[in-house]
Amino acid sequence: MNKHLEDLIKLSNIDRTIDAFEPKIAEAKSRLDEVEEAQSAVEKEILALSEEIKESELKKAKNELHIQELSDKLEANKKKAADAKTEKEIKALQLEEEIAREQLDFANEEIERLENLIESRKKEIETKEAELAAMKEKSAAVKEEVEKELAEIEKERQKLFEEKQKLMAQMSQKILAFYDKIRRWAKNTAVVPVRKQACMGCFMKINDKTYAEVIKGEEITTCPHCGRILYLEVQKEEESAEA
């Protein structure tokens, strides 16, 4: 087989292996992202519950202030009633008292409702905080696992990069430029085998002349249909013939 072709096959295999690390890296990072997103969601829930408690406490304080104002008003009405001289004045004061007492009842009911709501939300926060603590523990474990996994991947990838640089250093720049040109669009299928007289890049059958050139392996041969660099997998061809 042509030495340039052998080098291209090796280079293509290295690039394919290097690129195969990307999905592994993405998958590892996604596991960490998933845990962190779940943790962030619980933190937002706790914040929302805390804000609801603050709002409810503010409403409760307003109602307590309103109760004090109504109580003062009722006390003032008692003095006015004692000084009232006409039936019209007495009825007007009685009506004001009825309205004030209705408002008092409503304010007290609202305070009770708000107190129950605050207590309920505090219990929810306790539950969520326990859930968050467990999540943080899990997140730390996953982070450690992912960092270890990524370090191993980086170690393997660096080793391949060095192997690639060493190989490229001894290759013709013209051949490398030709390979890079095809790889820009073909990605990891720039160099593909021929099986059953078909290009494994575009899966089109190649003509007898091109196939003969691929079998000889004396020159770099490209697919007449797609332009990928072709080579013959001898073992696989023999297995196919035996089958």
C-alpha atoms as a PDB file:
ATOM      1  CA  MET A   1       0.000   0.000   0.000  1.00  0.00           C
ATOM      2  CA  ASN A   2       1.136   3.529  -0.809  1.00  0.00           C
ATOM      3  CA  LYS A   3       2.939   5.088   2.205  1.00  0.00           C
ATOM      4  CA  HIS A   4       0.950   8.320   1.896  1.00  0.00           C
ATOM      5  CA  LEU A   5      -2.287   6.332   1.919  1.00  0.00           C
ATOM      6  CA  GLU A   6      -1.179   4.375   4.986  1.00  0.00           C
ATOM      7  CA  ASP A   7      -0.452   7.645   6.776  1.00  0.00           C
ATOM      8  CA  LEU A   8      -3.828   9.079   5.747  1.00  0.00           C
ATOM      9  CA  ILE A   9      -5.619   6.012   7.099  1.00  0.00           C
ATOM     10  CA  LYS A  10      -3.735   6.333  10.404  1.00  0.00           C
ATOM     11  CA  LEU A  11      -4.427  10.086  10.564  1.00  0.00           C
ATOM     12  CA  SER A  12      -8.105   9.558   9.810  1.00  0.00           C
ATOM     13  CA  ASN A  13      -8.385   6.921  12.540  1.00  0.00           C
ATOM     14  CA  ILE A  14      -6.696   9.239  15.047  1.00  0.00           C
ATOM     15  CA  ASP A  15      -9.040  12.122  14.139  1.00  0.00           C
ATOM     16  CA  ARG A  16     -12.029   9.801  14.404  1.00  0.00           C
ATOM     17  CA  THR A  17     -10.950   8.646  17.865  1.00  0.00           C
ATOM     18  CA  ILE A  18     -10.277  12.219  19.027  1.00  0.00           C
ATOM     19  CA  ASP A  19     -13.691  13.388  17.822  1.00  0.00           C
ATOM     20  CA  ALA A  20     -15.335  10.389  19.510  1.00  0.00           C
ATOM     21  CA  PHE A  21     -14.358  11.925  22.849  1.00  0.00           C
ATOM     22  CA  GLU A  22     -16.681  14.915  22.311  1.00  0.00           C
ATOM     23  CA  PRO A  23     -19.956  13.015  22.949  1.00  0.00           C
ATOM     24  CA  LYS A  24     -18.362  11.458  26.045  1.00  0.00           C
ATOM     25  CA  ILE A  25     -17.340  14.897  27.323  1.00  0.00           C
ATOM     26  CA  ALA A  26     -20.802  16.301  26.573  1.00  0.00           C
ATOM     27  CA  GLU A  27     -22.495  13.364  28.316  1.00  0.00           C
ATOM     28  CA  ALA A  28     -20.309  13.731  31.409  1.00  0.00           C
ATOM     29  CA  LYS A  29     -20.967  17.483  31.609  1.00  0.00           C
ATOM     30  CA  SER A  30     -24.708  16.962  31.048  1.00  0.00           C
ATOM     31  CA  ARG A  31     -24.862  14.722  34.133  1.00  0.00           C
ATOM     32  CA  LEU A  32     -23.400  17.517  36.229  1.00  0.00           C
ATOM     33  CA  ASP A  33     -25.626  20.134  34.555  1.00  0.00           C
ATOM     34  CA  GLU A  34     -28.697  18.013  35.296  1.00  0.00           C
ATOM     35  CA  VAL A  35     -27.889  17.823  39.018  1.00  0.00           C
ATOM     36  CA  GLU A  36     -27.029  21.535  39.198  1.00  0.00           C
ATOM     37  CA  GLU A  37     -30.221  22.510  37.362  1.00  0.00           C
ATOM     38  CA  ALA A  38     -32.316  20.410  39.766  1.00  0.00           C
ATOM     39  CA  GLN A  39     -30.496  22.065  42.681  1.00  0.00           C
ATOM     40  CA  SER A  40     -31.098  25.518  41.207  1.00  0.00           C
ATOM     41  CA  ALA A  41     -34.805  24.722  40.758  1.00  0.00           C
ATOM     42  CA  VAL A  42     -35.161  23.816  44.459  1.00  0.00           C
ATOM     43  CA  GLU A  43     -33.254  26.973  45.480  1.00  0.00           C
ATOM     44  CA  LYS A  44     -35.698  29.037  43.401  1.00  0.00           C
ATOM     45  CA  GLU A  45     -38.636  27.267  45.061  1.00  0.00           C
ATOM     46  CA  ILE A  46     -37.216  28.078  48.511  1.00  0.00           C
ATOM     47  CA  LEU A  47     -36.727  31.712  47.468  1.00  0.00           C
ATOM     48  CA  ALA A  48     -40.308  31.903  46.154  1.00  0.00           C
ATOM     49  CA  LEU A  49     -41.656  30.417  49.396  1.00  0.00           C
ATOM     50  CA  SER A  50     -39.577  32.887  51.447  1.00  0.00           C
ATOM     51  CA  GLU A  51     -40.922  35.782  49.370  1.00  0.00           C
ATOM     52  CA  GLU A  52     -44.465  34.514  49.920  1.00  0.00           C
ATOM     53  CA  ILE A  53     -43.851  34.423  53.682  1.00  0.00           C
ATOM     54  CA  LYS A  54     -42.525  38.001  53.621  1.00  0.00           C
ATOM     55  CA  GLU A  55     -45.534  39.160  51.625  1.00  0.00           C
ATOM     56  CA  SER A  56     -47.918  37.359  53.981  1.00  0.00           C
ATOM     57  CA  GLU A  57     -46.224  38.852  57.044  1.00  0.00           C
ATOM     58  CA  LEU A  58     -46.548  42.317  55.507  1.00  0.00           C
ATOM     59  CA  LYS A  59     -50.261  41.716  54.852  1.00  0.00           C
ATOM     60  CA  LYS A  60     -50.666  40.427  58.405  1.00  0.00           C
ATOM     61  CA  ALA A  61     -49.002  43.569  59.792  1.00  0.00           C
ATOM     62  CA  LYS A  62     -51.328  45.765  57.700  1.00  0.00           C
ATOM     63  CA  ASN A  63     -54.354  43.885  59.015  1.00  0.00           C
ATOM     64  CA  GLU A  64     -53.113  44.231  62.608  1.00  0.00           C
ATOM     65  CA  LEU A  65     -52.710  47.965  62.047  1.00  0.00           C
ATOM     66  CA  HIS A  66     -56.218  48.096  60.570  1.00  0.00           C
ATOM     67  CA  ILE A  67     -57.584  46.243  63.632  1.00  0.00           C
ATOM     68  CA  GLN A  68     -55.960  48.816  65.895  1.00  0.00           C
ATOM     69  CA  GLU A  69     -57.500  51.640  63.852  1.00  0.00           C
ATOM     70  CA  LEU A  70     -60.938  49.988  63.996  1.00  0.00           C
ATOM     71  CA  SER A  71     -60.617  49.419  67.751  1.00  0.00           C
ATOM     72  CA  ASP A  72     -59.742  53.084  68.232  1.00  0.00           C
ATOM     73  CA  LYS A  73     -62.703  54.026  66.066  1.00  0.00           C
ATOM     74  CA  LEU A  74     -65.104  51.872  68.128  1.00  0.00           C
ATOM     75  CA  GLU A  75     -63.766  53.399  71.326  1.00  0.00           C
ATOM     76  CA  ALA A  76     -64.256  56.880  69.898  1.00  0.00           C
ATOM     77  CA  ASN A  77     -67.797  55.972  68.785  1.00  0.00           C
ATOM     78  CA  LYS A  78     -68.671  54.960  72.352  1.00  0.00           C
ATOM     79  CA  LYS A  79     -67.822  58.470  73.533  1.00  0.00           C
ATOM     80  CA  LYS A  80     -69.738  59.981  70.629  1.00  0.00           C
ATOM     81  CA  ALA A  81     -72.753  57.767  71.411  1.00  0.00           C
ATOM     82  CA  ALA A  82     -72.766  59.026  74.984  1.00  0.00           C
ATOM     83  CA  ASP A  83     -72.896  62.599  73.708  1.00  0.00           C
ATOM     84  CA  ALA A  84     -75.402  61.907  70.891  1.00  0.00           C
ATOM     85  CA  LYS A  85     -78.648  63.829  71.266  1.00  0.00           C
ATOM     86  CA  THR A  86     -80.717  62.863  68.241  1.00  0.00           C
ATOM     87  CA  GLU A  87     -81.945  59.507  67.010  1.00  0.00           C
ATOM     88  CA  LYS A  88     -80.320  60.189  63.632  1.00  0.00           C
ATOM     89  CA  GLU A  89     -76.890  60.603  65.249  1.00  0.00           C
ATOM     90  CA  ILE A  90     -77.355  57.418  67.295  1.00  0.00           C
ATOM     91  CA  LYS A  91     -78.352  55.370  64.210  1.00  0.00           C
ATOM     92  CA  ALA A  92     -75.424  56.727  62.229  1.00  0.00           C
ATOM     93  CA  LEU A  93     -73.037  55.745  65.018  1.00  0.00           C
ATOM     94  CA  GLN A  94     -74.640  52.283  65.280  1.00  0.00           C
ATOM     95  CA  LEU A  95     -74.209  51.771  61.522  1.00  0.00           C
ATOM     96  CA  GLU A  96     -70.549  52.805  61.742  1.00  0.00           C
ATOM     97  CA  GLU A  97     -70.090  50.375  64.632  1.00  0.00           C
ATOM     98  CA  GLU A  98     -71.656  47.492  62.670  1.00  0.00           C
ATOM     99  CA  ILE A  99     -69.415  48.178  59.676  1.00  0.00           C
ATOM    100  CA  ALA A 100     -66.336  48.467  61.908  1.00  0.00           C
ATOM    101  CA  ARG A 101     -67.149  45.155  63.650  1.00  0.00           C
ATOM    102  CA  GLU A 102     -67.624  43.414  60.294  1.00  0.00           C
ATOM    103  CA  GLN A 103     -64.260  44.767  59.191  1.00  0.00           C
ATOM    104  CA  LEU A 104     -62.738  43.588  62.464  1.00  0.00           C
ATOM    105  CA  ASP A 105     -64.083  40.073  61.922  1.00  0.00           C
ATOM    106  CA  PHE A 106     -62.763  40.021  58.384  1.00  0.00           C
ATOM    107  CA  ALA A 107     -59.328  41.332  59.478  1.00  0.00           C
ATOM    108  CA  ASN A 108     -59.076  38.706  62.228  1.00  0.00           C
ATOM    109  CA  GLU A 109     -60.055  35.942  59.801  1.00  0.00           C
ATOM    110  CA  GLU A 110     -57.506  37.210  57.310  1.00  0.00           C
ATOM    111  CA  ILE A 111     -54.790  37.243  59.991  1.00  0.00           C
ATOM    112  CA  GLU A 112     -55.646  33.654  60.924  1.00  0.00           C
ATOM    113  CA  ARG A 113     -55.519  32.631  57.257  1.00  0.00           C
ATOM    114  CA  LEU A 114     -52.164  34.364  56.797  1.00  0.00           C
ATOM    115  CA  GLU A 115     -50.730  32.772  59.954  1.00  0.00           C
ATOM    116  CA  ASN A 116     -51.739  29.308  58.682  1.00  0.00           C
ATOM    117  CA  LEU A 117     -50.251  30.094  55.294  1.00  0.00           C
ATOM    118  CA  ILE A 118     -46.976  31.297  56.827  1.00  0.00           C
ATOM    119  CA  GLU A 119     -46.731  28.174  58.982  1.00  0.00           C
ATOM    120  CA  SER A 120     -47.450  25.963  55.965  1.00  0.00           C
ATOM    121  CA  ARG A 121     -44.808  27.691  53.836  1.00  0.00           C
ATOM    122  CA  LYS A 122     -42.227  27.422  56.641  1.00  0.00           C
ATOM    123  CA  LYS A 123     -42.780  23.659  56.766  1.00  0.00           C
ATOM    124  CA  GLU A 124     -42.427  23.502  52.975  1.00  0.00           C
ATOM    125  CA  ILE A 125     -39.127  25.387  53.230  1.00  0.00           C
ATOM    126  CA  GLU A 126     -37.860  22.918  55.835  1.00  0.00           C
ATOM    127  CA  THR A 127     -38.686  20.035  53.486  1.00  0.00           C
ATOM    128  CA  LYS A 128     -37.091  21.798  50.523  1.00  0.00           C
ATOM    129  CA  GLU A 129     -33.951  22.659  52.504  1.00  0.00           C
ATOM    130  CA  ALA A 130     -33.522  19.001  53.471  1.00  0.00           C
ATOM    131  CA  GLU A 131     -33.998  18.099  49.799  1.00  0.00           C
ATOM    132  CA  LEU A 132     -31.456  20.759  48.804  1.00  0.00           C
ATOM    133  CA  ALA A 133     -28.885  19.473  51.293  1.00  0.00           C
ATOM    134  CA  ALA A 134     -29.186  15.980  49.788  1.00  0.00           C
ATOM    135  CA  MET A 135     -28.870  17.461  46.304  1.00  0.00           C
ATOM    136  CA  LYS A 136     -25.728  19.394  47.216  1.00  0.00           C
ATOM    137  CA  GLU A 137     -24.188  16.209  48.549  1.00  0.00           C
ATOM    138  CA  LYS A 138     -25.094  14.388  45.331  1.00  0.00           C
ATOM    139  CA  SER A 139     -23.851  17.314  43.240  1.00  0.00           C
ATOM    140  CA  ALA A 140     -20.459  17.211  44.976  1.00  0.00           C
ATOM    141  CA  ALA A 141     -20.177  13.470  44.327  1.00  0.00           C
ATOM    142  CA  VAL A 142     -21.190  13.828  40.670  1.00  0.00           C
ATOM    143  CA  LYS A 143     -18.795  16.769  40.202  1.00  0.00           C
ATOM    144  CA  GLU A 144     -15.905  14.725  41.595  1.00  0.00           C
ATOM    145  CA  GLU A 145     -16.839  11.791  39.366  1.00  0.00           C
ATOM    146  CA  VAL A 146     -17.182  13.973  36.252  1.00  0.00           C
ATOM    147  CA  GLU A 147     -13.904  15.820  36.888  1.00  0.00           C
ATOM    148  CA  LYS A 148     -12.120  12.490  37.240  1.00  0.00           C
ATOM    149  CA  GLU A 149     -13.731  11.198  34.047  1.00  0.00           C
ATOM    150  CA  LEU A 150     -12.875  14.372  32.117  1.00  0.00           C
ATOM    151  CA  ALA A 151      -9.279  14.232  33.353  1.00  0.00           C
ATOM    152  CA  GLU A 152      -8.966  10.672  32.031  1.00  0.00           C
ATOM    153  CA  ILE A 153     -10.473  11.695  28.696  1.00  0.00           C
ATOM    154  CA  GLU A 154      -8.129  14.678  28.449  1.00  0.00           C
ATOM    155  CA  LYS A 155      -5.173  12.431  29.203  1.00  0.00           C
ATOM    156  CA  GLU A 156      -6.136  10.010  26.423  1.00  0.00           C
ATOM    157  CA  ARG A 157      -6.918  12.849  24.047  1.00  0.00           C
ATOM    158  CA  GLN A 158      -3.597  14.564  24.700  1.00  0.00           C
ATOM    159  CA  LYS A 159      -1.796  11.307  23.975  1.00  0.00           C
ATOM    160  CA  LEU A 160      -3.598  11.090  20.621  1.00  0.00           C
ATOM    161  CA  PHE A 161      -2.846  14.740  19.828  1.00  0.00           C
ATOM    162  CA  GLU A 162       0.837  14.036  20.347  1.00  0.00           C
ATOM    163  CA  GLU A 163       0.615  10.953  18.136  1.00  0.00           C
ATOM    164  CA  LYS A 164      -1.173  13.017  15.498  1.00  0.00           C
ATOM    165  CA  GLN A 165       1.439  15.796  15.595  1.00  0.00           C
ATOM    166  CA  LYS A 166       4.221  13.251  15.253  1.00  0.00           C
ATOM    167  CA  LEU A 167       2.518  11.637  12.265  1.00  0.00           C
ATOM    168  CA  MET A 168       1.750  14.974  10.581  1.00  0.00           C
ATOM    169  CA  ALA A 169       5.368  16.084  10.993  1.00  0.00           C
ATOM    170  CA  GLN A 170       6.538  13.302   8.695  1.00  0.00           C
ATOM    171  CA  MET A 171       3.739  13.687   6.134  1.00  0.00           C
ATOM    172  CA  SER A 172       3.730  15.743   2.955  1.00  0.00           C
ATOM    173  CA  GLN A 173       2.117  19.159   3.400  1.00  0.00           C
ATOM    174  CA  LYS A 174       0.457  18.719   0.028  1.00  0.00           C
ATOM    175  CA  ILE A 175      -1.156  15.444   1.174  1.00  0.00           C
ATOM    176  CA  LEU A 176      -2.229  17.027   4.466  1.00  0.00           C
ATOM    177  CA  ALA A 177      -3.814  19.978   2.658  1.00  0.00           C
ATOM    178  CA  PHE A 178      -5.665  17.552   0.382  1.00  0.00           C
ATOM    179  CA  TYR A 179      -6.904  15.576   3.407  1.00  0.00           C
ATOM    180  CA  ASP A 180      -7.978  18.722   5.293  1.00  0.00           C
ATOM    181  CA  LYS A 181      -9.898  19.960   2.268  1.00  0.00           C
ATOM    182  CA  ILE A 182     -11.960  16.750   2.165  1.00  0.00           C
ATOM    183  CA  ARG A 183     -12.309  16.576   5.961  1.00  0.00           C
ATOM    184  CA  ARG A 184     -13.835  20.056   6.089  1.00  0.00           C
ATOM    185  CA  TRP A 185     -17.042  18.681   4.582  1.00  0.00           C
ATOM    186  CA  ALA A 186     -16.713  14.913   5.077  1.00  0.00           C
ATOM    187  CA  LYS A 187     -15.667  15.175   8.766  1.00  0.00           C
ATOM    188  CA  ASN A 188     -14.639  11.715   9.998  1.00  0.00           C
ATOM    189  CA  THR A 189     -15.488  10.034   6.706  1.00  0.00           C
ATOM    190  CA  ALA A 190     -12.714  11.707   4.706  1.00  0.00           C
ATOM    191  CA  VAL A 191     -10.924   8.366   4.375  1.00  0.00           C
ATOM    192  CA  VAL A 192     -13.220   5.358   3.996  1.00  0.00           C
ATOM    193  CA  PRO A 193     -12.908   1.689   3.065  1.00  0.00           C
ATOM    194  CA  VAL A 194     -14.336   0.025  -0.021  1.00  0.00           C
ATOM    195  CA  ARG A 195     -16.579  -2.957   0.660  1.00  0.00           C
ATOM    196  CA  LYS A 196     -18.245  -5.076  -1.993  1.00  0.00           C
ATOM    197  CA  GLN A 197     -16.950  -2.548  -4.538  1.00  0.00           C
ATOM    198  CA  ALA A 198     -18.842   0.301  -2.838  1.00  0.00           C
ATOM    199  CA  CYS A 199     -17.577   3.484  -1.186  1.00  0.00           C
ATOM    200  CA  MET A 200     -18.466   3.381   2.516  1.00  0.00           C
ATOM    201  CA  GLY A 201     -18.767   7.161   2.537  1.00  0.00           C
ATOM    202  CA  CYS A 202     -21.533   7.656  -0.029  1.00  0.00           C
ATOM    203  CA  PHE A 203     -22.406   3.925  -0.407  1.00  0.00           C
ATOM    204  CA  MET A 204     -22.304   4.205  -4.189  1.00  0.00           C
ATOM    205  CA  LYS A 205     -20.761   1.412  -6.268  1.00  0.00           C
ATOM    206  CA  ILE A 206     -17.488   2.409  -7.886  1.00  0.00           C
ATOM    207  CA  ASN A 207     -16.502   1.409 -11.416  1.00  0.00           C
ATOM    208  CA  ASP A 208     -14.126  -1.451 -12.184  1.00  0.00           C
ATOM    209  CA  LYS A 209     -11.221   0.864 -13.122  1.00  0.00           C
ATOM    210  CA  THR A 210     -11.385   2.793  -9.834  1.00  0.00           C
ATOM    211  CA  TYR A 211     -11.848  -0.442  -7.891  1.00  0.00           C
ATOM    212  CA  ALA A 212      -8.745  -1.886  -9.538  1.00  0.00           C
ATOM    213  CA  GLU A 213      -6.772   1.190  -8.493  1.00  0.00           C
ATOM    214  CA  VAL A 214      -8.014   0.828  -4.920  1.00  0.00           C
ATOM    215  CA  ILE A 215      -6.988  -2.854  -4.883  1.00  0.00           C
ATOM    216  CA  LYS A 216      -3.496  -1.984  -6.086  1.00  0.00           C
ATOM    217  CA  GLY A 217      -3.170   0.749  -3.469  1.00  0.00           C
ATOM    218  CA  GLU A 218      -0.238   2.287  -5.288  1.00  0.00           C
ATOM    219  CA  GLU A 219      -1.775   5.767  -5.483  1.00  0.00           C
ATOM    220  CA  ILE A 220      -4.252   7.793  -3.476  1.00  0.00           C
ATOM    221  CA  THR A 221      -7.606   7.075  -5.086  1.00  0.00           C
ATOM    222  CA  THR A 222     -10.783   9.059  -4.497  1.00  0.00           C
ATOM    223  CA  CYS A 223     -14.404   8.071  -4.960  1.00  0.00           C
ATOM    224  CA  PRO A 224     -15.668   9.260  -8.367  1.00  0.00           C
ATOM    225  CA  HIS A 225     -19.056  10.023  -6.776  1.00  0.00           C
ATOM    226  CA  CYS A 226     -18.239  11.852  -3.555  1.00  0.00           C
ATOM    227  CA  GLY A 227     -14.492  12.555  -3.648  1.00  0.00           C
ATOM    228  CA  ARG A 228     -13.569  10.737  -0.423  1.00  0.00           C
ATOM    229  CA  ILE A 229     -10.222   8.963  -0.184  1.00  0.00           C
ATOM    230  CA  LEU A 230     -10.640   5.218  -0.651  1.00  0.00           C
ATOM    231  CA  TYR A 231      -8.716   2.197   0.609  1.00  0.00           C
ATOM    232  CA  LEU A 232      -9.282  -1.547   0.609  1.00  0.00           C
ATOM    233  CA  GLU A 233      -9.880  -3.487   3.789  1.00  0.00           C
ATOM    234  CA  VAL A 234      -8.231  -6.705   2.683  1.00  0.00           C
ATOM    235  CA  GLN A 235      -9.443  -8.816   5.565  1.00  0.00           C
ATOM    236  CA  LYS A 236     -13.015  -7.658   5.236  1.00  0.00           C
ATOM    237  CA  GLU A 237     -12.947  -8.157   1.465  1.00  0.00           C
ATOM    238  CA  GLU A 238     -11.697 -11.732   1.972  1.00  0.00           C
ATOM    239  CA  GLU A 239     -14.376 -12.392   4.627  1.00  0.00           C
ATOM    240  CA  SER A 240     -17.032 -11.072   2.237  1.00  0.00           C
ATOM    241  CA  ALA A 241     -15.731 -13.309  -0.556  1.00  0.00           C
ATOM    242  CA  GLU A 242     -15.773 -16.357   1.727  1.00  0.00           C
ATOM    243  CA  ALA A 243     -19.307 -15.540   2.844  1.00  0.00           C
END
